[in-house]
Structure formats: C-alpha cells, structure tokens
Amino acid sequence: MLHKLKAHILMVLVQFAYATLNVIYKLAIKDGMNMRVVTAYRLLFASAFTVPVALIFDRFFINTVFSFFYKLHHLLSQLIPPIIMINVKNTS
C-alpha cells in the first residue's frame, strides 16, 4: 500500500517545500532584502542541492542504462551504411 502512495507523498512534500520557499522569499523581500540577493541565494541553494544529486545520478544511472543505448547506437551506425551501399549497388 505504501509503495502505491510513494509518488503521491513525494508530490505533496515537494509542493509543501515550494510553498514554504515562496513564503520565506516573500517575507525576506517584504523585510527589505534586495531582490537580486534573494535570487542569488535561491540559485546558490538550488545548485548546492542539485549538484550532488546530479553526480550520484550520473554515476549510477548513466553508466548502466545509457551505455547500453550508446553501444546500440554505435553498432547500428556501423551496420547501416554498408547495408545502404549494398542495396544501392544491387539496384543499379
């Protein structure tokens, strides 16, 4: 049961995080913080969260799934031109 609700719970948590950040930004701007400083902090915190997630995702996911598609693409790109040339020779 919990496995089926995992996506919904995560969606609610993300929406709660967005709402909390919007309230914090509005309070900071209303308190007199410069808009550029708020934007700089937002980008800094977003990068600090995104970079580790991207590195972990890149190391585990890309090496397994995308390497298969890369090898398949390489194989097909090496096979298709000779097949086309054979078909062109046979038709002329």
Foldseek 3Di string as FASTA:
>chain_A
DVVVCVVVVVVVVVVVVVVVLVVVVVVCVVVPDDPVVSVVVVVVVVCVVPVVVVVVCCVPPCVPPVVVVVVVVVVCVVPPVVVVVVVVVVVD
